[in-house]
Amino acid sequence: MTEEKQEQEKRQTKRWDRFTWTVVIGPLALFFVLSIGLALYLNNFGPWRAVVPVIIGFAIFFFIMGVFLRSKFGRLAF
């Protein structure tokens, strides 16, 4: 009986883990793609070219922080 419960709990934890990774990384990846698209668009206009590295920097920073906070290291931080 206890082996069945442990196995069932393990499967449920894996499903929850996949779900939370999707919920965290999905929007961050979408934000990253939109930021890259905006950067490529603004690169065509002379006065806005200086903003492109800032946009890309923010996208990379938020993506890395989201992954870090979702990982085991982030769990230790909170």
PDB file of N, CA and C in Angstrom:
ATOM      1  N   MET A   1       0.817  -1.199   0.000  1.00  0.00           N
ATOM      2  CA  MET A   1       0.000   0.000   0.000  1.00  0.00           C
ATOM      3  C   MET A   1       0.857   1.258   0.000  1.00  0.00           C
ATOM      4  N   THR A   2       1.868   1.300   0.835  1.00  0.00           N
ATOM      5  CA  THR A   2       2.682   2.507   0.905  1.00  0.00           C
ATOM      6  C   THR A   2       3.493   2.712  -0.370  1.00  0.00           C
ATOM      7  N   GLU A   3       3.906   1.619  -1.021  1.00  0.00           N
ATOM      8  CA  GLU A   3       4.643   1.745  -2.272  1.00  0.00           C
ATOM      9  C   GLU A   3       3.764   2.363  -3.352  1.00  0.00           C
ATOM     10  N   GLU A   4       2.509   1.966  -3.386  1.00  0.00           N
ATOM     11  CA  GLU A   4       1.574   2.532  -4.358  1.00  0.00           C
ATOM     12  C   GLU A   4       1.370   4.016  -4.108  1.00  0.00           C
ATOM     13  N   LYS A   5       1.223   4.383  -2.863  1.00  0.00           N
ATOM     14  CA  LYS A   5       1.030   5.796  -2.524  1.00  0.00           C
ATOM     15  C   LYS A   5       2.257   6.619  -2.896  1.00  0.00           C
ATOM     16  N   GLN A   6       3.438   6.085  -2.626  1.00  0.00           N
ATOM     17  CA  GLN A   6       4.669   6.800  -2.958  1.00  0.00           C
ATOM     18  C   GLN A   6       4.811   6.971  -4.467  1.00  0.00           C
ATOM     19  N   GLU A   7       4.473   5.925  -5.204  1.00  0.00           N
ATOM     20  CA  GLU A   7       4.560   5.989  -6.659  1.00  0.00           C
ATOM     21  C   GLU A   7       3.551   6.992  -7.222  1.00  0.00           C
ATOM     22  N   GLN A   8       2.354   6.977  -6.678  1.00  0.00           N
ATOM     23  CA  GLN A   8       1.329   7.908  -7.116  1.00  0.00           C
ATOM     24  C   GLN A   8       1.728   9.345  -6.791  1.00  0.00           C
ATOM     25  N   GLU A   9       2.265   9.566  -5.614  1.00  0.00           N
ATOM     26  CA  GLU A   9       2.709  10.902  -5.214  1.00  0.00           C
ATOM     27  C   GLU A   9       3.854  11.385  -6.109  1.00  0.00           C
ATOM     28  N   LYS A  10       4.735  10.489  -6.480  1.00  0.00           N
ATOM     29  CA  LYS A  10       5.861  10.821  -7.347  1.00  0.00           C
ATOM     30  C   LYS A  10       5.369  11.249  -8.731  1.00  0.00           C
ATOM     31  N   ARG A  11       4.396  10.512  -9.282  1.00  0.00           N
ATOM     32  CA  ARG A  11       3.825  10.868 -10.584  1.00  0.00           C
ATOM     33  C   ARG A  11       3.129  12.222 -10.522  1.00  0.00           C
ATOM     34  N   GLN A  12       2.400  12.468  -9.439  1.00  0.00           N
ATOM     35  CA  GLN A  12       1.689  13.729  -9.293  1.00  0.00           C
ATOM     36  C   GLN A  12       2.672  14.890  -9.165  1.00  0.00           C
ATOM     37  N   THR A  13       3.765  14.689  -8.468  1.00  0.00           N
ATOM     38  CA  THR A  13       4.780  15.720  -8.316  1.00  0.00           C
ATOM     39  C   THR A  13       5.417  16.050  -9.660  1.00  0.00           C
ATOM     40  N   LYS A  14       5.665  15.035 -10.488  1.00  0.00           N
ATOM     41  CA  LYS A  14       6.242  15.275 -11.813  1.00  0.00           C
ATOM     42  C   LYS A  14       5.293  16.095 -12.678  1.00  0.00           C
ATOM     43  N   ARG A  15       4.005  15.753 -12.620  1.00  0.00           N
ATOM     44  CA  ARG A  15       3.029  16.519 -13.397  1.00  0.00           C
ATOM     45  C   ARG A  15       2.975  17.960 -12.927  1.00  0.00           C
ATOM     46  N   TRP A  16       2.995  18.173 -11.612  1.00  0.00           N
ATOM     47  CA  TRP A  16       2.950  19.532 -11.055  1.00  0.00           C
ATOM     48  C   TRP A  16       4.208  20.289 -11.443  1.00  0.00           C
ATOM     49  N   ASP A  17       5.346  19.614 -11.419  1.00  0.00           N
ATOM     50  CA  ASP A  17       6.608  20.241 -11.765  1.00  0.00           C
ATOM     51  C   ASP A  17       6.594  20.702 -13.228  1.00  0.00           C
ATOM     52  N   ARG A  18       6.118  19.857 -14.124  1.00  0.00           N
ATOM     53  CA  ARG A  18       6.006  20.247 -15.538  1.00  0.00           C
ATOM     54  C   ARG A  18       5.059  21.420 -15.699  1.00  0.00           C
ATOM     55  N   PHE A  19       3.950  21.407 -14.994  1.00  0.00           N
ATOM     56  CA  PHE A  19       2.967  22.491 -15.085  1.00  0.00           C
ATOM     57  C   PHE A  19       3.572  23.812 -14.614  1.00  0.00           C
ATOM     58  N   THR A  20       4.256  23.793 -13.472  1.00  0.00           N
ATOM     59  CA  THR A  20       4.816  25.047 -12.956  1.00  0.00           C
ATOM     60  C   THR A  20       5.932  25.566 -13.853  1.00  0.00           C
ATOM     61  N   TRP A  21       6.736  24.669 -14.416  1.00  0.00           N
ATOM     62  CA  TRP A  21       7.761  25.133 -15.359  1.00  0.00           C
ATOM     63  C   TRP A  21       7.099  25.791 -16.565  1.00  0.00           C
ATOM     64  N   THR A  22       6.027  25.218 -17.062  1.00  0.00           N
ATOM     65  CA  THR A  22       5.325  25.788 -18.212  1.00  0.00           C
ATOM     66  C   THR A  22       4.728  27.146 -17.870  1.00  0.00           C
ATOM     67  N   VAL A  23       4.144  27.257 -16.692  1.00  0.00           N
ATOM     68  CA  VAL A  23       3.508  28.513 -16.283  1.00  0.00           C
ATOM     69  C   VAL A  23       4.550  29.613 -16.091  1.00  0.00           C
ATOM     70  N   VAL A  24       5.725  29.264 -15.613  1.00  0.00           N
ATOM     71  CA  VAL A  24       6.762  30.271 -15.380  1.00  0.00           C
ATOM     72  C   VAL A  24       7.520  30.579 -16.664  1.00  0.00           C
ATOM     73  N   ILE A  25       7.992  29.569 -17.345  1.00  0.00           N
ATOM     74  CA  ILE A  25       8.863  29.775 -18.499  1.00  0.00           C
ATOM     75  C   ILE A  25       8.084  30.192 -19.746  1.00  0.00           C
ATOM     76  N   GLY A  26       6.858  29.737 -19.887  1.00  0.00           N
ATOM     77  CA  GLY A  26       6.050  30.104 -21.052  1.00  0.00           C
ATOM     78  C   GLY A  26       5.902  31.612 -21.232  1.00  0.00           C
ATOM     79  N   PRO A  27       5.378  32.328 -20.239  1.00  0.00           N
ATOM     80  CA  PRO A  27       5.256  33.777 -20.386  1.00  0.00           C
ATOM     81  C   PRO A  27       6.610  34.489 -20.513  1.00  0.00           C
ATOM     82  N   LEU A  28       7.620  33.989 -19.829  1.00  0.00           N
ATOM     83  CA  LEU A  28       8.944  34.594 -19.961  1.00  0.00           C
ATOM     84  C   LEU A  28       9.503  34.420 -21.367  1.00  0.00           C
ATOM     85  N   ALA A  29       9.294  33.257 -21.952  1.00  0.00           N
ATOM     86  CA  ALA A  29       9.745  33.023 -23.324  1.00  0.00           C
ATOM     87  C   ALA A  29       8.969  33.911 -24.296  1.00  0.00           C
ATOM     88  N   LEU A  30       7.674  34.061 -24.079  1.00  0.00           N
ATOM     89  CA  LEU A  30       6.869  34.951 -24.921  1.00  0.00           C
ATOM     90  C   LEU A  30       7.358  36.391 -24.794  1.00  0.00           C
ATOM     91  N   PHE A  31       7.637  36.841 -23.576  1.00  0.00           N
ATOM     92  CA  PHE A  31       8.171  38.180 -23.355  1.00  0.00           C
ATOM     93  C   PHE A  31       9.513  38.350 -24.073  1.00  0.00           C
ATOM     94  N   PHE A  32      10.350  37.320 -24.015  1.00  0.00           N
ATOM     95  CA  PHE A  32      11.648  37.364 -24.679  1.00  0.00           C
ATOM     96  C   PHE A  32      11.481  37.502 -26.195  1.00  0.00           C
ATOM     97  N   VAL A  33      10.596  36.708 -26.775  1.00  0.00           N
ATOM     98  CA  VAL A  33      10.365  36.749 -28.229  1.00  0.00           C
ATOM     99  C   VAL A  33       9.790  38.105 -28.637  1.00  0.00           C
ATOM    100  N   LEU A  34       8.842  38.624 -27.881  1.00  0.00           N
ATOM    101  CA  LEU A  34       8.276  39.935 -28.196  1.00  0.00           C
ATOM    102  C   LEU A  34       9.326  41.036 -28.075  1.00  0.00           C
ATOM    103  N   SER A  35      10.200  40.928 -27.094  1.00  0.00           N
ATOM    104  CA  SER A  35      11.261  41.922 -26.912  1.00  0.00           C
ATOM    105  C   SER A  35      12.242  41.904 -28.082  1.00  0.00           C
ATOM    106  N   ILE A  36      12.590  40.709 -28.535  1.00  0.00           N
ATOM    107  CA  ILE A  36      13.485  40.597 -29.692  1.00  0.00           C
ATOM    108  C   ILE A  36      12.813  41.182 -30.934  1.00  0.00           C
ATOM    109  N   GLY A  37      11.546  40.890 -31.110  1.00  0.00           N
ATOM    110  CA  GLY A  37      10.800  41.459 -32.243  1.00  0.00           C
ATOM    111  C   GLY A  37      10.751  42.976 -32.189  1.00  0.00           C
ATOM    112  N   LEU A  38      10.503  43.520 -31.010  1.00  0.00           N
ATOM    113  CA  LEU A  38      10.481  44.976 -30.845  1.00  0.00           C
ATOM    114  C   LEU A  38      11.858  45.572 -31.109  1.00  0.00           C
ATOM    115  N   ALA A  39      12.892  44.907 -30.640  1.00  0.00           N
ATOM    116  CA  ALA A  39      14.257  45.384 -30.865  1.00  0.00           C
ATOM    117  C   ALA A  39      14.586  45.397 -32.363  1.00  0.00           C
ATOM    118  N   LEU A  40      14.198  44.346 -33.067  1.00  0.00           N
ATOM    119  CA  LEU A  40      14.441  44.310 -34.508  1.00  0.00           C
ATOM    120  C   LEU A  40      13.663  45.409 -35.232  1.00  0.00           C
ATOM    121  N   TYR A  41      12.456  45.674 -34.796  1.00  0.00           N
ATOM    122  CA  TYR A  41      11.641  46.725 -35.392  1.00  0.00           C
ATOM    123  C   TYR A  41      12.243  48.111 -35.135  1.00  0.00           C
ATOM    124  N   LEU A  42      12.632  48.364 -33.893  1.00  0.00           N
ATOM    125  CA  LEU A  42      13.187  49.677 -33.558  1.00  0.00           C
ATOM    126  C   LEU A  42      14.575  49.896 -34.153  1.00  0.00           C
ATOM    127  N   ASN A  43      15.269  48.838 -34.487  1.00  0.00           N
ATOM    128  CA  ASN A  43      16.599  48.959 -35.084  1.00  0.00           C
ATOM    129  C   ASN A  43      16.543  49.625 -36.460  1.00  0.00           C
ATOM    130  N   ASN A  44      15.374  49.603 -37.090  1.00  0.00           N
ATOM    131  CA  ASN A  44      15.219  50.226 -38.409  1.00  0.00           C
ATOM    132  C   ASN A  44      15.114  51.742 -38.334  1.00  0.00           C
ATOM    133  N   PHE A  45      14.892  52.289 -37.166  1.00  0.00           N
ATOM    134  CA  PHE A  45      14.722  53.727 -37.008  1.00  0.00           C
ATOM    135  C   PHE A  45      15.934  54.305 -36.285  1.00  0.00           C
ATOM    136  N   GLY A  46      16.574  55.278 -36.917  1.00  0.00           N
ATOM    137  CA  GLY A  46      17.826  55.846 -36.420  1.00  0.00           C
ATOM    138  C   GLY A  46      17.839  56.274 -34.966  1.00  0.00           C
ATOM    139  N   PRO A  47      16.923  57.134 -34.533  1.00  0.00           N
ATOM    140  CA  PRO A  47      16.999  57.631 -33.149  1.00  0.00           C
ATOM    141  C   PRO A  47      16.760  56.553 -32.087  1.00  0.00           C
ATOM    142  N   TRP A  48      16.108  55.469 -32.455  1.00  0.00           N
ATOM    143  CA  TRP A  48      15.764  54.422 -31.483  1.00  0.00           C
ATOM    144  C   TRP A  48      16.784  53.298 -31.405  1.00  0.00           C
ATOM    145  N   ARG A  49      17.837  53.351 -32.214  1.00  0.00           N
ATOM    146  CA  ARG A  49      18.838  52.276 -32.215  1.00  0.00           C
ATOM    147  C   ARG A  49      19.547  52.138 -30.877  1.00  0.00           C
ATOM    148  N   ALA A  50      19.672  53.221 -30.144  1.00  0.00           N
ATOM    149  CA  ALA A  50      20.356  53.168 -28.844  1.00  0.00           C
ATOM    150  C   ALA A  50      19.537  52.404 -27.799  1.00  0.00           C
ATOM    151  N   VAL A  51      18.252  52.265 -28.034  1.00  0.00           N
ATOM    152  CA  VAL A  51      17.374  51.593 -27.077  1.00  0.00           C
ATOM    153  C   VAL A  51      17.418  50.071 -27.239  1.00  0.00           C
ATOM    154  N   VAL A  52      17.818  49.595 -28.389  1.00  0.00           N
ATOM    155  CA  VAL A  52      17.797  48.163 -28.697  1.00  0.00           C
ATOM    156  C   VAL A  52      18.600  47.330 -27.695  1.00  0.00           C
ATOM    157  N   PRO A  53      19.841  47.699 -27.345  1.00  0.00           N
ATOM    158  CA  PRO A  53      20.568  46.880 -26.358  1.00  0.00           C
ATOM    159  C   PRO A  53      19.894  46.853 -24.977  1.00  0.00           C
ATOM    160  N   VAL A  54      19.228  47.920 -24.620  1.00  0.00           N
ATOM    161  CA  VAL A  54      18.524  47.965 -23.331  1.00  0.00           C
ATOM    162  C   VAL A  54      17.349  46.995 -23.340  1.00  0.00           C
ATOM    163  N   ILE A  55      16.611  46.974 -24.416  1.00  0.00           N
ATOM    164  CA  ILE A  55      15.464  46.060 -24.538  1.00  0.00           C
ATOM    165  C   ILE A  55      15.935  44.609 -24.475  1.00  0.00           C
ATOM    166  N   ILE A  56      16.974  44.295 -25.216  1.00  0.00           N
ATOM    167  CA  ILE A  56      17.496  42.926 -25.215  1.00  0.00           C
ATOM    168  C   ILE A  56      18.056  42.572 -23.846  1.00  0.00           C
ATOM    169  N   GLY A  57      18.724  43.513 -23.195  1.00  0.00           N
ATOM    170  CA  GLY A  57      19.258  43.274 -21.856  1.00  0.00           C
ATOM    171  C   GLY A  57      18.166  42.963 -20.847  1.00  0.00           C
ATOM    172  N   PHE A  58      17.084  43.734 -20.870  1.00  0.00           N
ATOM    173  CA  PHE A  58      15.961  43.474 -19.965  1.00  0.00           C
ATOM    174  C   PHE A  58      15.339  42.109 -20.238  1.00  0.00           C
ATOM    175  N   ALA A  59      15.179  41.764 -21.509  1.00  0.00           N
ATOM    176  CA  ALA A  59      14.583  40.463 -21.849  1.00  0.00           C
ATOM    177  C   ALA A  59      15.446  39.317 -21.329  1.00  0.00           C
ATOM    178  N   ILE A  60      16.742  39.411 -21.529  1.00  0.00           N
ATOM    179  CA  ILE A  60      17.640  38.359 -21.057  1.00  0.00           C
ATOM    180  C   ILE A  60      17.637  38.300 -19.536  1.00  0.00           C
ATOM    181  N   PHE A  61      17.686  39.464 -18.880  1.00  0.00           N
ATOM    182  CA  PHE A  61      17.699  39.511 -17.417  1.00  0.00           C
ATOM    183  C   PHE A  61      16.458  38.866 -16.817  1.00  0.00           C
ATOM    184  N   PHE A  62      15.281  39.232 -17.318  1.00  0.00           N
ATOM    185  CA  PHE A  62      14.044  38.682 -16.772  1.00  0.00           C
ATOM    186  C   PHE A  62      13.919  37.184 -17.037  1.00  0.00           C
ATOM    187  N   PHE A  63      14.379  36.735 -18.204  1.00  0.00           N
ATOM    188  CA  PHE A  63      14.326  35.306 -18.501  1.00  0.00           C
ATOM    189  C   PHE A  63      15.236  34.526 -17.553  1.00  0.00           C
ATOM    190  N   ILE A  64      16.448  35.007 -17.361  1.00  0.00           N
ATOM    191  CA  ILE A  64      17.388  34.316 -16.466  1.00  0.00           C
ATOM    192  C   ILE A  64      16.881  34.341 -15.025  1.00  0.00           C
ATOM    193  N   MET A  65      16.353  35.460 -14.561  1.00  0.00           N
ATOM    194  CA  MET A  65      15.836  35.535 -13.192  1.00  0.00           C
ATOM    195  C   MET A  65      14.634  34.611 -13.000  1.00  0.00           C
ATOM    196  N   GLY A  66      13.777  34.507 -13.991  1.00  0.00           N
ATOM    197  CA  GLY A  66      12.629  33.601 -13.897  1.00  0.00           C
ATOM    198  C   GLY A  66      13.056  32.151 -13.794  1.00  0.00           C
ATOM    199  N   VAL A  67      14.023  31.766 -14.605  1.00  0.00           N
ATOM    200  CA  VAL A  67      14.531  30.396 -14.537  1.00  0.00           C
ATOM    201  C   VAL A  67      15.218  30.153 -13.197  1.00  0.00           C
ATOM    202  N   PHE A  68      15.996  31.129 -12.742  1.00  0.00           N
ATOM    203  CA  PHE A  68      16.697  30.986 -11.464  1.00  0.00           C
ATOM    204  C   PHE A  68      15.713  30.840 -10.308  1.00  0.00           C
ATOM    205  N   LEU A  69      14.691  31.689 -10.286  1.00  0.00           N
ATOM    206  CA  LEU A  69      13.728  31.631  -9.185  1.00  0.00           C
ATOM    207  C   LEU A  69      12.887  30.357  -9.231  1.00  0.00           C
ATOM    208  N   ARG A  70      12.721  29.781 -10.396  1.00  0.00           N
ATOM    209  CA  ARG A  70      11.958  28.533 -10.506  1.00  0.00           C
ATOM    210  C   ARG A  70      12.817  27.322 -10.149  1.00  0.00           C
ATOM    211  N   SER A  71      14.111  27.462 -10.291  1.00  0.00           N
ATOM    212  CA  SER A  71      14.997  26.331 -10.039  1.00  0.00           C
ATOM    213  C   SER A  71      15.150  26.080  -8.528  1.00  0.00           C
ATOM    214  N   LYS A  72      15.911  25.088  -8.192  1.00  0.00           N
ATOM    215  CA  LYS A  72      16.134  24.750  -6.790  1.00  0.00           C
ATOM    216  C   LYS A  72      16.859  25.862  -6.047  1.00  0.00           C
ATOM    217  N   PHE A  73      17.697  26.610  -6.742  1.00  0.00           N
ATOM    218  CA  PHE A  73      18.413  27.700  -6.101  1.00  0.00           C
ATOM    219  C   PHE A  73      17.450  28.797  -5.662  1.00  0.00           C
ATOM    220  N   GLY A  74      16.439  29.042  -6.485  1.00  0.00           N
ATOM    221  CA  GLY A  74      15.442  30.045  -6.128  1.00  0.00           C
ATOM    222  C   GLY A  74      14.612  29.640  -4.918  1.00  0.00           C
ATOM    223  N   ARG A  75      14.366  28.350  -4.791  1.00  0.00           N
ATOM    224  CA  ARG A  75      13.618  27.866  -3.634  1.00  0.00           C
ATOM    225  C   ARG A  75      14.411  28.110  -2.354  1.00  0.00           C
ATOM    226  N   LEU A  76      15.721  27.991  -2.448  1.00  0.00           N
ATOM    227  CA  LEU A  76      16.565  28.265  -1.284  1.00  0.00           C
ATOM    228  C   LEU A  76      16.591  29.757  -0.966  1.00  0.00           C
ATOM    229  N   ALA A  77      16.478  30.598  -1.978  1.00  0.00           N
ATOM    230  CA  ALA A  77      16.530  32.049  -1.766  1.00  0.00           C
ATOM    231  C   ALA A  77      15.296  32.538  -1.010  1.00  0.00           C
ATOM    232  N   PHE A  78      14.159  31.892  -1.268  1.00  0.00           N
ATOM    233  CA  PHE A  78      12.938  32.318  -0.585  1.00  0.00           C
ATOM    234  C   PHE A  78      12.736  31.444   0.575  1.00  0.00           C
TER     235      PHE A  78
END
